[in-house]
PDB file of N, CA and C in Angstrom:
ATOM      1  N   UNK A   1     -22.254  -0.938 -15.499  1.00  0.00           N
ATOM      2  CA  UNK A   1     -21.071  -1.806 -15.012  1.00  0.00           C
ATOM      3  C   UNK A   1     -20.074  -1.874 -15.742  1.00  0.00           C
ATOM      4  N   UNK A   2     -20.125  -1.358 -17.160  1.00  0.00           N
ATOM      5  CA  UNK A   2     -19.103  -0.642 -18.298  1.00  0.00           C
ATOM      6  C   UNK A   2     -18.634   0.486 -17.571  1.00  0.00           C
ATOM      7  N   UNK A   3     -19.312   1.127 -16.849  1.00  0.00           N
ATOM      8  CA  UNK A   3     -18.546   2.455 -16.060  1.00  0.00           C
ATOM      9  C   UNK A   3     -17.460   1.912 -14.878  1.00  0.00           C
ATOM     10  N   UNK A   4     -17.542   1.081 -14.423  1.00  0.00           N
ATOM     11  CA  UNK A   4     -17.607   0.588 -13.019  1.00  0.00           C
ATOM     12  C   UNK A   4     -15.721  -0.335 -13.741  1.00  0.00           C
ATOM     13  N   UNK A   5     -16.085  -0.725 -14.908  1.00  0.00           N
ATOM     14  CA  UNK A   5     -14.827  -1.337 -15.202  1.00  0.00           C
ATOM     15  C   UNK A   5     -13.943  -0.426 -15.941  1.00  0.00           C
ATOM     16  N   UNK A   6     -14.497   0.566 -16.275  1.00  0.00           N
ATOM     17  CA  UNK A   6     -13.848   1.341 -16.853  1.00  0.00           C
ATOM     18  C   UNK A   6     -12.724   2.445 -15.460  1.00  0.00           C
ATOM     19  N   UNK A   7     -13.230   2.595 -14.536  1.00  0.00           N
ATOM     20  CA  UNK A   7     -12.803   3.114 -13.159  1.00  0.00           C
ATOM     21  C   UNK A   7     -12.022   2.164 -12.731  1.00  0.00           C
ATOM     22  N   UNK A   8     -11.916   0.965 -12.794  1.00  0.00           N
ATOM     23  CA  UNK A   8     -11.425  -0.296 -12.139  1.00  0.00           C
ATOM     24  C   UNK A   8      -9.947  -0.172 -12.855  1.00  0.00           C
ATOM     25  N   UNK A   9     -10.443  -0.300 -14.251  1.00  0.00           N
ATOM     26  CA  UNK A   9      -9.155  -0.346 -14.861  1.00  0.00           C
ATOM     27  C   UNK A   9      -8.537   0.919 -15.272  1.00  0.00           C
ATOM     28  N   UNK A  10      -8.910   1.960 -14.755  1.00  0.00           N
ATOM     29  CA  UNK A  10      -8.210   3.326 -14.818  1.00  0.00           C
ATOM     30  C   UNK A  10      -7.310   3.529 -13.794  1.00  0.00           C
ATOM     31  N   UNK A  11      -7.994   3.115 -12.804  1.00  0.00           N
ATOM     32  CA  UNK A  11      -7.247   2.861 -11.301  1.00  0.00           C
ATOM     33  C   UNK A  11      -6.087   2.246 -11.378  1.00  0.00           C
ATOM     34  N   UNK A  12      -6.123   1.279 -11.867  1.00  0.00           N
ATOM     35  CA  UNK A  12      -5.038   0.234 -11.817  1.00  0.00           C
ATOM     36  C   UNK A  12      -4.069   0.442 -12.949  1.00  0.00           C
ATOM     37  N   UNK A  13      -4.278   1.085 -13.851  1.00  0.00           N
ATOM     38  CA  UNK A  13      -3.389   1.469 -15.022  1.00  0.00           C
ATOM     39  C   UNK A  13      -2.675   3.012 -14.428  1.00  0.00           C
ATOM     40  N   UNK A  14      -3.188   3.362 -13.712  1.00  0.00           N
ATOM     41  CA  UNK A  14      -2.429   5.020 -13.345  1.00  0.00           C
ATOM     42  C   UNK A  14      -1.793   4.592 -11.740  1.00  0.00           C
ATOM     43  N   UNK A  15      -1.954   3.577 -11.224  1.00  0.00           N
ATOM     44  CA  UNK A  15      -1.062   3.049 -10.153  1.00  0.00           C
ATOM     45  C   UNK A  15       0.160   1.976 -10.049  1.00  0.00           C
ATOM     46  N   UNK A  16       0.223   1.402 -11.921  1.00  0.00           N
ATOM     47  CA  UNK A  16       1.455   0.838 -11.354  1.00  0.00           C
ATOM     48  C   UNK A  16       2.547   1.518 -11.796  1.00  0.00           C
ATOM     49  N   UNK A  17       2.683   2.545 -12.706  1.00  0.00           N
ATOM     50  CA  UNK A  17       3.782   3.011 -12.765  1.00  0.00           C
ATOM     51  C   UNK A  17       4.294   3.828 -11.690  1.00  0.00           C
ATOM     52  N   UNK A  18       3.566   3.868 -10.615  1.00  0.00           N
ATOM     53  CA  UNK A  18       4.548   4.823  -9.606  1.00  0.00           C
ATOM     54  C   UNK A  18       5.120   3.828  -8.289  1.00  0.00           C
ATOM     55  N   UNK A  19       5.632   2.657  -8.947  1.00  0.00           N
ATOM     56  CA  UNK A  19       6.002   2.248  -7.986  1.00  0.00           C
ATOM     57  C   UNK A  19       7.356   1.271  -8.591  1.00  0.00           C
ATOM     58  N   UNK A  20       7.822   2.298  -8.885  1.00  0.00           N
ATOM     59  CA  UNK A  20       9.467   1.805  -9.588  1.00  0.00           C
ATOM     60  C   UNK A  20      10.226   1.847  -8.675  1.00  0.00           C
ATOM     61  N   UNK A  21      10.427   1.739  -7.377  1.00  0.00           N
ATOM     62  CA  UNK A  21      11.097   1.512  -6.268  1.00  0.00           C
ATOM     63  C   UNK A  21      11.919   0.413  -6.325  1.00  0.00           C
ATOM     64  N   UNK A  22      13.327   0.346  -5.928  1.00  0.00           N
ATOM     65  CA  UNK A  22      14.183  -1.124  -5.602  1.00  0.00           C
ATOM     66  C   UNK A  22      12.698  -2.019  -4.930  1.00  0.00           C
ATOM     67  N   UNK A  23      12.888  -3.515  -5.699  1.00  0.00           N
ATOM     68  CA  UNK A  23      12.173  -4.557  -5.438  1.00  0.00           C
ATOM     69  C   UNK A  23      13.287  -5.569  -4.353  1.00  0.00           C
ATOM     70  N   UNK A  24      13.180  -6.241  -3.087  1.00  0.00           N
ATOM     71  CA  UNK A  24      13.602  -6.902  -2.495  1.00  0.00           C
ATOM     72  C   UNK A  24      12.944  -8.322  -2.372  1.00  0.00           C
ATOM     73  N   UNK A  25      13.468  -9.308  -2.614  1.00  0.00           N
ATOM     74  CA  UNK A  25      12.920 -10.828  -2.222  1.00  0.00           C
ATOM     75  C   UNK A  25      12.988 -10.672  -0.636  1.00  0.00           C
ATOM     76  N   UNK A  26      12.055 -11.595  -0.237  1.00  0.00           N
ATOM     77  CA  UNK A  26      11.911 -11.573   1.069  1.00  0.00           C
ATOM     78  C   UNK A  26      13.195 -12.171   1.717  1.00  0.00           C
ATOM     79  N   UNK A  27      14.105 -13.043   1.276  1.00  0.00           N
ATOM     80  CA  UNK A  27      15.184 -13.351   1.713  1.00  0.00           C
ATOM     81  C   UNK A  27      16.239 -12.462   1.490  1.00  0.00           C
ATOM     82  N   UNK A  28      16.140 -11.523   0.432  1.00  0.00           N
ATOM     83  CA  UNK A  28      17.170 -10.404   0.495  1.00  0.00           C
ATOM     84  C   UNK A  28      16.866  -9.493   1.518  1.00  0.00           C
ATOM     85  N   UNK A  29      15.792  -9.012   1.840  1.00  0.00           N
ATOM     86  CA  UNK A  29      15.347  -8.154   3.155  1.00  0.00           C
ATOM     87  C   UNK A  29      15.788  -8.911   4.004  1.00  0.00           C
ATOM     88  N   UNK A  30      15.100  -9.872   5.160  1.00  0.00           N
ATOM     89  CA  UNK A  30      15.616 -10.444   5.597  1.00  0.00           C
ATOM     90  C   UNK A  30      17.264 -10.600   6.035  1.00  0.00           C
ATOM     91  N   UNK A  31      18.228 -10.910   5.301  1.00  0.00           N
ATOM     92  CA  UNK A  31      19.712 -10.592   4.892  1.00  0.00           C
ATOM     93  C   UNK A  31      19.719  -9.123   5.070  1.00  0.00           C
ATOM     94  N   UNK A  32      19.065  -8.432   5.041  1.00  0.00           N
ATOM     95  CA  UNK A  32      19.500  -7.135   5.117  1.00  0.00           C
ATOM     96  C   UNK A  32      19.150  -6.359   6.029  1.00  0.00           C
ATOM     97  N   UNK A  33      18.158  -7.041   6.526  1.00  0.00           N
ATOM     98  CA  UNK A  33      17.684  -6.543   8.015  1.00  0.00           C
ATOM     99  C   UNK A  33      18.409  -6.943   9.179  1.00  0.00           C
ATOM    100  N   UNK A  34      18.939  -8.305   9.116  1.00  0.00           N
ATOM    101  CA  UNK A  34      19.503  -9.064   9.861  1.00  0.00           C
ATOM    102  C   UNK A  34      21.144  -8.421   9.943  1.00  0.00           C
ATOM    103  N   UNK A  35      21.771  -8.114   8.718  1.00  0.00           N
ATOM    104  CA  UNK A  35      23.441  -7.412   9.108  1.00  0.00           C
ATOM    105  C   UNK A  35      23.158  -5.897   8.524  1.00  0.00           C
ATOM    106  N   UNK A  36      21.997  -5.185   8.772  1.00  0.00           N
ATOM    107  CA  UNK A  36      22.514  -4.065   8.728  1.00  0.00           C
ATOM    108  C   UNK A  36      22.818  -3.171   9.691  1.00  0.00           C
ATOM    109  N   UNK A  37      23.928  -2.492   9.037  1.00  0.00           N
ATOM    110  CA  UNK A  37      25.124  -1.346  10.162  1.00  0.00           C
ATOM    111  C   UNK A  37      25.078   0.083   9.625  1.00  0.00           C
ATOM    112  N   UNK A  38      25.223   0.264   8.290  1.00  0.00           N
ATOM    113  CA  UNK A  38      25.663   1.281   8.120  1.00  0.00           C
ATOM    114  C   UNK A  38      23.983   1.930   7.780  1.00  0.00           C
ATOM    115  N   UNK A  39      24.673   3.310   8.013  1.00  0.00           N
ATOM    116  CA  UNK A  39      23.678   4.002   7.604  1.00  0.00           C
ATOM    117  C   UNK A  39      22.527   4.036   6.181  1.00  0.00           C
ATOM    118  N   UNK A  40      23.893   3.875   5.053  1.00  0.00           N
ATOM    119  CA  UNK A  40      23.124   3.396   3.732  1.00  0.00           C
ATOM    120  C   UNK A  40      22.091   1.899   3.706  1.00  0.00           C
ATOM    121  N   UNK A  41      22.648   1.372   4.509  1.00  0.00           N
ATOM    122  CA  UNK A  41      21.868  -0.311   4.659  1.00  0.00           C
ATOM    123  C   UNK A  41      20.269  -0.070   5.253  1.00  0.00           C
ATOM    124  N   UNK A  42      20.723   0.821   6.488  1.00  0.00           N
ATOM    125  CA  UNK A  42      19.106   0.999   7.386  1.00  0.00           C
ATOM    126  C   UNK A  42      18.578   2.361   6.166  1.00  0.00           C
ATOM    127  N   UNK A  43      19.051   2.890   5.191  1.00  0.00           N
ATOM    128  CA  UNK A  43      18.219   3.925   4.430  1.00  0.00           C
ATOM    129  C   UNK A  43      17.837   2.707   3.643  1.00  0.00           C
ATOM    130  N   UNK A  44      18.499   1.899   2.460  1.00  0.00           N
ATOM    131  CA  UNK A  44      17.437   1.018   1.895  1.00  0.00           C
ATOM    132  C   UNK A  44      16.312   0.482   2.188  1.00  0.00           C
ATOM    133  N   UNK A  45      16.820  -0.197   3.442  1.00  0.00           N
ATOM    134  CA  UNK A  45      15.440  -0.609   4.598  1.00  0.00           C
ATOM    135  C   UNK A  45      14.235   0.301   4.442  1.00  0.00           C
ATOM    136  N   UNK A  46      14.464   1.475   4.777  1.00  0.00           N
ATOM    137  CA  UNK A  46      13.659   2.599   4.815  1.00  0.00           C
ATOM    138  C   UNK A  46      12.892   2.646   3.784  1.00  0.00           C
ATOM    139  N   UNK A  47      13.927   2.772   2.482  1.00  0.00           N
ATOM    140  CA  UNK A  47      13.443   2.709   1.323  1.00  0.00           C
ATOM    141  C   UNK A  47      12.224   2.025   0.671  1.00  0.00           C
ATOM    142  N   UNK A  48      12.484   0.823   1.106  1.00  0.00           N
ATOM    143  CA  UNK A  48      12.068  -0.689   0.772  1.00  0.00           C
ATOM    144  C   UNK A  48      10.344  -0.263   1.331  1.00  0.00           C
ATOM    145  N   UNK A  49      10.649  -0.421   2.600  1.00  0.00           N
ATOM    146  CA  UNK A  49       9.363  -0.223   3.498  1.00  0.00           C
ATOM    147  C   UNK A  49       8.240   1.051   3.008  1.00  0.00           C
ATOM    148  N   UNK A  50       8.988   2.071   2.935  1.00  0.00           N
ATOM    149  CA  UNK A  50       8.059   2.918   2.889  1.00  0.00           C
ATOM    150  C   UNK A  50       7.460   3.170   1.358  1.00  0.00           C
ATOM    151  N   UNK A  51       8.232   2.425   0.190  1.00  0.00           N
ATOM    152  CA  UNK A  51       7.375   2.183  -0.937  1.00  0.00           C
ATOM    153  C   UNK A  51       6.379   1.349  -0.899  1.00  0.00           C
ATOM    154  N   UNK A  52       6.643   0.021  -0.027  1.00  0.00           N
ATOM    155  CA  UNK A  52       5.583  -0.576   0.383  1.00  0.00           C
ATOM    156  C   UNK A  52       4.166  -0.151   0.995  1.00  0.00           C
ATOM    157  N   UNK A  53       4.513   0.909   1.648  1.00  0.00           N
ATOM    158  CA  UNK A  53       3.515   1.634   2.347  1.00  0.00           C
ATOM    159  C   UNK A  53       2.940   2.303   1.326  1.00  0.00           C
ATOM    160  N   UNK A  54       3.589   3.077   0.350  1.00  0.00           N
ATOM    161  CA  UNK A  54       2.985   3.570  -0.662  1.00  0.00           C
ATOM    162  C   UNK A  54       2.199   3.179  -1.550  1.00  0.00           C
ATOM    163  N   UNK A  55       2.576   1.901  -1.583  1.00  0.00           N
ATOM    164  CA  UNK A  55       1.620   0.967  -2.736  1.00  0.00           C
ATOM    165  C   UNK A  55       0.561   0.458  -2.230  1.00  0.00           C
ATOM    166  N   UNK A  56       0.777   0.279  -0.592  1.00  0.00           N
ATOM    167  CA  UNK A  56      -0.641  -0.124  -0.227  1.00  0.00           C
ATOM    168  C   UNK A  56      -1.535   0.556   0.235  1.00  0.00           C
ATOM    169  N   UNK A  57      -1.275   2.123   0.459  1.00  0.00           N
ATOM    170  CA  UNK A  57      -1.836   2.886   0.370  1.00  0.00           C
ATOM    171  C   UNK A  57      -2.825   3.345  -0.793  1.00  0.00           C
ATOM    172  N   UNK A  58      -1.671   2.984  -1.688  1.00  0.00           N
ATOM    173  CA  UNK A  58      -2.677   3.182  -3.264  1.00  0.00           C
ATOM    174  C   UNK A  58      -3.880   2.133  -3.205  1.00  0.00           C
ATOM    175  N   UNK A  59      -3.396   1.152  -3.120  1.00  0.00           N
ATOM    176  CA  UNK A  59      -4.216  -0.031  -2.876  1.00  0.00           C
ATOM    177  C   UNK A  59      -5.679   0.265  -2.143  1.00  0.00           C
ATOM    178  N   UNK A  60      -5.680   0.804  -1.143  1.00  0.00           N
ATOM    179  CA  UNK A  60      -6.534   1.527  -0.137  1.00  0.00           C
ATOM    180  C   UNK A  60      -7.361   2.198  -0.680  1.00  0.00           C
ATOM    181  N   UNK A  61      -6.741   3.285  -1.173  1.00  0.00           N
ATOM    182  CA  UNK A  61      -7.666   4.403  -1.754  1.00  0.00           C
ATOM    183  C   UNK A  61      -8.392   3.767  -3.146  1.00  0.00           C
ATOM    184  N   UNK A  62      -7.787   2.930  -3.873  1.00  0.00           N
ATOM    185  CA  UNK A  62      -8.586   2.137  -5.272  1.00  0.00           C
ATOM    186  C   UNK A  62      -9.708   1.276  -4.880  1.00  0.00           C
ATOM    187  N   UNK A  63      -9.758   0.607  -3.438  1.00  0.00           N
ATOM    188  CA  UNK A  63     -11.119   0.217  -2.985  1.00  0.00           C
ATOM    189  C   UNK A  63     -11.797   0.681  -2.414  1.00  0.00           C
ATOM    190  N   UNK A  64     -11.376   2.094  -1.873  1.00  0.00           N
ATOM    191  CA  UNK A  64     -12.593   3.451  -1.201  1.00  0.00           C
ATOM    192  C   UNK A  64     -13.210   3.902  -2.622  1.00  0.00           C
ATOM    193  N   UNK A  65     -12.450   4.136  -3.574  1.00  0.00           N
ATOM    194  CA  UNK A  65     -13.189   4.435  -4.741  1.00  0.00           C
ATOM    195  C   UNK A  65     -13.991   3.472  -5.584  1.00  0.00           C
ATOM    196  N   UNK A  66     -13.633   2.170  -5.436  1.00  0.00           N
ATOM    197  CA  UNK A  66     -14.120   1.095  -5.806  1.00  0.00           C
ATOM    198  C   UNK A  66     -15.744   1.071  -5.084  1.00  0.00           C
ATOM    199  N   UNK A  67     -15.689   0.883  -3.647  1.00  0.00           N
ATOM    200  CA  UNK A  67     -16.485   1.146  -2.437  1.00  0.00           C
ATOM    201  C   UNK A  67     -17.626   2.269  -2.528  1.00  0.00           C
ATOM    202  N   UNK A  68     -16.997   3.164  -2.996  1.00  0.00           N
ATOM    203  CA  UNK A  68     -17.851   4.418  -3.443  1.00  0.00           C
ATOM    204  C   UNK A  68     -19.059   4.255  -4.835  1.00  0.00           C
ATOM    205  N   UNK A  69     -18.140   3.625  -5.396  1.00  0.00           N
ATOM    206  CA  UNK A  69     -18.542   3.388  -7.454  1.00  0.00           C
ATOM    207  C   UNK A  69     -20.104   2.439  -7.367  1.00  0.00           C
ATOM    208  N   UNK A  70     -19.819   1.285  -6.156  1.00  0.00           N
ATOM    209  CA  UNK A  70     -20.981   0.092  -6.204  1.00  0.00           C
ATOM    210  C   UNK A  70     -21.875   0.888  -5.313  1.00  0.00           C
ATOM    211  N   UNK A  71     -21.694   1.751  -4.221  1.00  0.00           N
ATOM    212  CA  UNK A  71     -22.909   2.666  -3.391  1.00  0.00           C
ATOM    213  C   UNK A  71     -23.831   3.557  -4.465  1.00  0.00           C
ATOM    214  N   UNK A  72     -22.842   4.157  -5.442  1.00  0.00           N
ATOM    215  CA  UNK A  72     -23.549   4.924  -6.380  1.00  0.00           C
ATOM    216  C   UNK A  72     -24.159   4.317  -7.723  1.00  0.00           C
ATOM    217  N   UNK A  73     -23.781   3.584  -8.087  1.00  0.00           N
ATOM    218  CA  UNK A  73     -24.481   3.137  -9.236  1.00  0.00           C
ATOM    219  C   UNK A  73     -25.633   1.645  -9.040  1.00  0.00           C
ATOM    220  N   UNK A  74     -26.964   2.570  -9.397  1.00  0.00           N
ATOM    221  CA  UNK A  74     -27.927   1.635  -9.154  1.00  0.00           C
ATOM    222  C   UNK A  74     -27.974   0.338  -9.392  1.00  0.00           C
ATOM    223  N   UNK A  75     -27.205  -0.184 -10.287  1.00  0.00           N
ATOM    224  CA  UNK A  75     -27.306  -1.703 -10.366  1.00  0.00           C
ATOM    225  C   UNK A  75     -26.898  -2.511  -9.532  1.00  0.00           C
ATOM    226  N   UNK A  76     -25.765  -1.899  -8.673  1.00  0.00           N
ATOM    227  CA  UNK A  76     -25.334  -2.770  -8.047  1.00  0.00           C
ATOM    228  C   UNK A  76     -25.317  -1.729  -6.005  1.00  0.00           C
ATOM    229  N   UNK A  77     -26.529  -1.314  -6.048  1.00  0.00           N
ATOM    230  CA  UNK A  77     -26.492  -0.427  -4.740  1.00  0.00           C
ATOM    231  C   UNK A  77     -27.381  -1.001  -3.652  1.00  0.00           C
ATOM    232  N   UNK A  78     -28.111  -2.393  -4.689  1.00  0.00           N
ATOM    233  CA  UNK A  78     -29.566  -3.038  -3.406  1.00  0.00           C
ATOM    234  C   UNK A  78     -28.428  -3.752  -2.347  1.00  0.00           C
ATOM    235  N   UNK A  79     -29.387  -3.971  -1.383  1.00  0.00           N
ATOM    236  CA  UNK A  79     -28.947  -4.503  -0.018  1.00  0.00           C
ATOM    237  C   UNK A  79     -27.982  -5.861   0.299  1.00  0.00           C
ATOM    238  N   UNK A  80     -28.522  -6.723  -0.934  1.00  0.00           N
ATOM    239  CA  UNK A  80     -27.455  -7.738  -1.336  1.00  0.00           C
ATOM    240  C   UNK A  80     -25.778  -7.559  -2.063  1.00  0.00           C
ATOM    241  N   UNK A  81     -25.846  -6.647  -2.842  1.00  0.00           N
ATOM    242  CA  UNK A  81     -24.806  -5.940  -3.271  1.00  0.00           C
ATOM    243  C   UNK A  81     -23.908  -5.520  -2.887  1.00  0.00           C
ATOM    244  N   UNK A  82     -24.791  -4.239  -1.994  1.00  0.00           N
ATOM    245  CA  UNK A  82     -23.987  -3.390  -1.009  1.00  0.00           C
ATOM    246  C   UNK A  82     -22.938  -4.060   0.101  1.00  0.00           C
ATOM    247  N   UNK A  83     -23.843  -4.929   0.715  1.00  0.00           N
ATOM    248  CA  UNK A  83     -23.328  -6.086   1.617  1.00  0.00           C
ATOM    249  C   UNK A  83     -22.430  -6.897   1.128  1.00  0.00           C
ATOM    250  N   UNK A  84     -21.784  -7.569   0.324  1.00  0.00           N
ATOM    251  CA  UNK A  84     -21.487  -8.343  -0.361  1.00  0.00           C
ATOM    252  C   UNK A  84     -20.246  -8.076  -1.583  1.00  0.00           C
ATOM    253  N   UNK A  85     -20.444  -6.786  -1.787  1.00  0.00           N
ATOM    254  CA  UNK A  85     -19.332  -5.731  -2.257  1.00  0.00           C
ATOM    255  C   UNK A  85     -18.639  -4.680  -2.433  1.00  0.00           C
ATOM    256  N   UNK A  86     -19.951  -3.804  -1.764  1.00  0.00           N
ATOM    257  CA  UNK A  86     -19.235  -2.268  -1.323  1.00  0.00           C
ATOM    258  C   UNK A  86     -18.681  -2.844   0.028  1.00  0.00           C
ATOM    259  N   UNK A  87     -18.945  -3.134   0.888  1.00  0.00           N
ATOM    260  CA  UNK A  87     -18.628  -3.075   1.963  1.00  0.00           C
ATOM    261  C   UNK A  87     -17.490  -4.312   2.097  1.00  0.00           C
ATOM    262  N   UNK A  88     -17.312  -5.018   1.395  1.00  0.00           N
ATOM    263  CA  UNK A  88     -15.876  -5.915   1.026  1.00  0.00           C
ATOM    264  C   UNK A  88     -14.624  -4.670   0.816  1.00  0.00           C
ATOM    265  N   UNK A  89     -15.010  -3.870  -0.363  1.00  0.00           N
ATOM    266  CA  UNK A  89     -13.867  -2.938  -0.685  1.00  0.00           C
ATOM    267  C   UNK A  89     -13.736  -2.409   0.412  1.00  0.00           C
ATOM    268  N   UNK A  90     -14.735  -1.643   1.094  1.00  0.00           N
ATOM    269  CA  UNK A  90     -14.856  -0.830   2.631  1.00  0.00           C
ATOM    270  C   UNK A  90     -13.566  -1.351   3.512  1.00  0.00           C
ATOM    271  N   UNK A  91     -14.135  -2.573   3.781  1.00  0.00           N
ATOM    272  CA  UNK A  91     -13.277  -3.410   4.499  1.00  0.00           C
ATOM    273  C   UNK A  91     -11.932  -3.424   3.935  1.00  0.00           C
ATOM    274  N   UNK A  92     -11.658  -3.649   2.997  1.00  0.00           N
ATOM    275  CA  UNK A  92     -10.189  -3.979   2.384  1.00  0.00           C
ATOM    276  C   UNK A  92      -9.270  -2.269   2.635  1.00  0.00           C
ATOM    277  N   UNK A  93     -10.173  -1.299   2.066  1.00  0.00           N
ATOM    278  CA  UNK A  93      -9.660  -0.033   2.261  1.00  0.00           C
ATOM    279  C   UNK A  93      -8.913   0.350   3.320  1.00  0.00           C
ATOM    280  N   UNK A  94      -9.859   0.046   4.564  1.00  0.00           N
ATOM    281  CA  UNK A  94      -9.545   0.279   5.884  1.00  0.00           C
ATOM    282  C   UNK A  94      -8.463  -0.712   6.443  1.00  0.00           C
ATOM    283  N   UNK A  95      -8.245  -1.991   6.257  1.00  0.00           N
ATOM    284  CA  UNK A  95      -7.399  -2.979   6.569  1.00  0.00           C
ATOM    285  C   UNK A  95      -5.910  -2.820   5.718  1.00  0.00           C
ATOM    286  N   UNK A  96      -6.416  -2.275   4.364  1.00  0.00           N
ATOM    287  CA  UNK A  96      -4.721  -1.660   3.875  1.00  0.00           C
ATOM    288  C   UNK A  96      -4.321  -0.800   4.443  1.00  0.00           C
ATOM    289  N   UNK A  97      -5.789   0.683   4.677  1.00  0.00           N
ATOM    290  CA  UNK A  97      -4.485   1.945   4.990  1.00  0.00           C
ATOM    291  C   UNK A  97      -3.723   1.343   6.569  1.00  0.00           C
ATOM    292  N   UNK A  98      -4.550   0.552   7.056  1.00  0.00           N
ATOM    293  CA  UNK A  98      -4.250   0.251   8.835  1.00  0.00           C
ATOM    294  C   UNK A  98      -2.355  -0.249   8.137  1.00  0.00           C
ATOM    295  N   UNK A  99      -2.556  -1.269   7.496  1.00  0.00           N
ATOM    296  CA  UNK A  99      -1.077  -1.889   7.529  1.00  0.00           C
ATOM    297  C   UNK A  99      -0.444  -1.254   6.597  1.00  0.00           C
ATOM    298  N   UNK A 100      -0.436  -0.198   5.710  1.00  0.00           N
ATOM    299  CA  UNK A 100       0.556   0.914   5.122  1.00  0.00           C
ATOM    300  C   UNK A 100       0.793   1.974   6.104  1.00  0.00           C
ATOM    301  N   UNK A 101       0.111   2.241   7.191  1.00  0.00           N
ATOM    302  CA  UNK A 101       0.388   2.692   8.384  1.00  0.00           C
ATOM    303  C   UNK A 101       1.444   2.112   9.277  1.00  0.00           C
ATOM    304  N   UNK A 102       1.670   0.701   9.673  1.00  0.00           N
ATOM    305  CA  UNK A 102       2.186   0.147  10.329  1.00  0.00           C
ATOM    306  C   UNK A 102       3.607  -0.038   9.598  1.00  0.00           C
ATOM    307  N   UNK A 103       3.299  -0.298   8.251  1.00  0.00           N
ATOM    308  CA  UNK A 103       4.595  -0.285   7.204  1.00  0.00           C
ATOM    309  C   UNK A 103       5.296   0.953   7.299  1.00  0.00           C
ATOM    310  N   UNK A 104       4.635   1.891   7.163  1.00  0.00           N
ATOM    311  CA  UNK A 104       5.069   2.806   7.527  1.00  0.00           C
ATOM    312  C   UNK A 104       6.203   3.323   8.193  1.00  0.00           C
ATOM    313  N   UNK A 105       5.751   3.449   9.745  1.00  0.00           N
ATOM    314  CA  UNK A 105       6.339   3.237  10.865  1.00  0.00           C
ATOM    315  C   UNK A 105       7.575   2.597  10.950  1.00  0.00           C
ATOM    316  N   UNK A 106       7.245   1.143  10.480  1.00  0.00           N
ATOM    317  CA  UNK A 106       8.414   0.176   9.971  1.00  0.00           C
ATOM    318  C   UNK A 106       9.874   1.179   9.394  1.00  0.00           C
ATOM    319  N   UNK A 107       9.468   1.782   8.341  1.00  0.00           N
ATOM    320  CA  UNK A 107      10.157   2.981   7.584  1.00  0.00           C
ATOM    321  C   UNK A 107      10.988   3.730   8.475  1.00  0.00           C
ATOM    322  N   UNK A 108       9.965   4.284   9.250  1.00  0.00           N
ATOM    323  CA  UNK A 108      10.666   5.797  10.008  1.00  0.00           C
ATOM    324  C   UNK A 108      11.508   4.787  11.183  1.00  0.00           C
ATOM    325  N   UNK A 109      11.350   3.737  11.364  1.00  0.00           N
ATOM    326  CA  UNK A 109      12.350   3.191  12.456  1.00  0.00           C
ATOM    327  C   UNK A 109      13.534   3.166  11.909  1.00  0.00           C
ATOM    328  N   UNK A 110      13.739   2.422  10.498  1.00  0.00           N
ATOM    329  CA  UNK A 110      14.563   2.148   9.882  1.00  0.00           C
ATOM    330  C   UNK A 110      15.374   3.698   9.449  1.00  0.00           C
ATOM    331  N   UNK A 111      14.806   4.645   9.625  1.00  0.00           N
ATOM    332  CA  UNK A 111      15.200   6.119   9.082  1.00  0.00           C
ATOM    333  C   UNK A 111      16.002   6.606  10.407  1.00  0.00           C
ATOM    334  N   UNK A 112      15.562   6.581  11.763  1.00  0.00           N
ATOM    335  CA  UNK A 112      16.014   7.125  12.626  1.00  0.00           C
ATOM    336  C   UNK A 112      17.401   5.993  12.771  1.00  0.00           C
ATOM    337  N   UNK A 113      17.232   4.808  12.378  1.00  0.00           N
ATOM    338  CA  UNK A 113      18.548   3.900  12.796  1.00  0.00           C
ATOM    339  C   UNK A 113      19.561   4.257  11.457  1.00  0.00           C
ATOM    340  N   UNK A 114      19.144   4.918  10.380  1.00  0.00           N
ATOM    341  CA  UNK A 114      20.309   5.534   9.219  1.00  0.00           C
ATOM    342  C   UNK A 114      20.449   6.520  10.034  1.00  0.00           C
ATOM    343  N   UNK A 115      20.086   7.550  10.539  1.00  0.00           N
ATOM    344  CA  UNK A 115      20.363   9.008  11.370  1.00  0.00           C
ATOM    345  C   UNK A 115      21.584   8.574  12.131  1.00  0.00           C
ATOM    346  N   UNK A 116      20.827   7.723  13.029  1.00  0.00           N
ATOM    347  CA  UNK A 116      22.085   7.291  14.590  1.00  0.00           C
ATOM    348  C   UNK A 116      22.975   6.366  13.534  1.00  0.00           C
ATOM    349  N   UNK A 117      23.297   5.791  12.675  1.00  0.00           N
ATOM    350  CA  UNK A 117      24.424   5.027  12.369  1.00  0.00           C
ATOM    351  C   UNK A 117      25.131   6.293  11.641  1.00  0.00           C
ATOM    352  N   UNK A 118      25.079   7.495  10.718  1.00  0.00           N
ATOM    353  CA  UNK A 118      25.397   8.467  10.614  1.00  0.00           C
ATOM    354  C   UNK A 118      26.293   8.844  11.513  1.00  0.00           C
ATOM    355  N   UNK A 119      25.442   9.376  12.983  1.00  0.00           N
ATOM    356  CA  UNK A 119      26.370   9.692  13.935  1.00  0.00           C
ATOM    357  C   UNK A 119      27.481   9.227  14.431  1.00  0.00           C
ATOM    358  N   UNK A 120      27.704   8.014  14.513  1.00  0.00           N
ATOM    359  CA  UNK A 120      28.638   7.050  14.773  1.00  0.00           C
ATOM    360  C   UNK A 120      29.936   6.918  14.314  1.00  0.00           C
TER     361      UNK A 120
END
């Protein structure tokens, strides 16, 4: 149990400093998306979404590691624990990765809009 707690704390500590990208409130983002016309504005939106996608992917990886750790630990790999904990972590890992892929696609769309705005 101590090993799992250590793994969880270490994975959290290692991922937190990597998200120093610009943070926008939902209102700021909505306003920027509604009014974006320049290349710089679309690139700012793309950067925000790319950082969000990176964060989601890191969370997905954390949950995948947790699922593996729960399955490998003899104290938590019985049928009840596997279904309630390890499978929960595996589900979150897949769901977060899918969401990261969608958010990354939004970032790519705004990068394309930024390139198009530069050409005008």
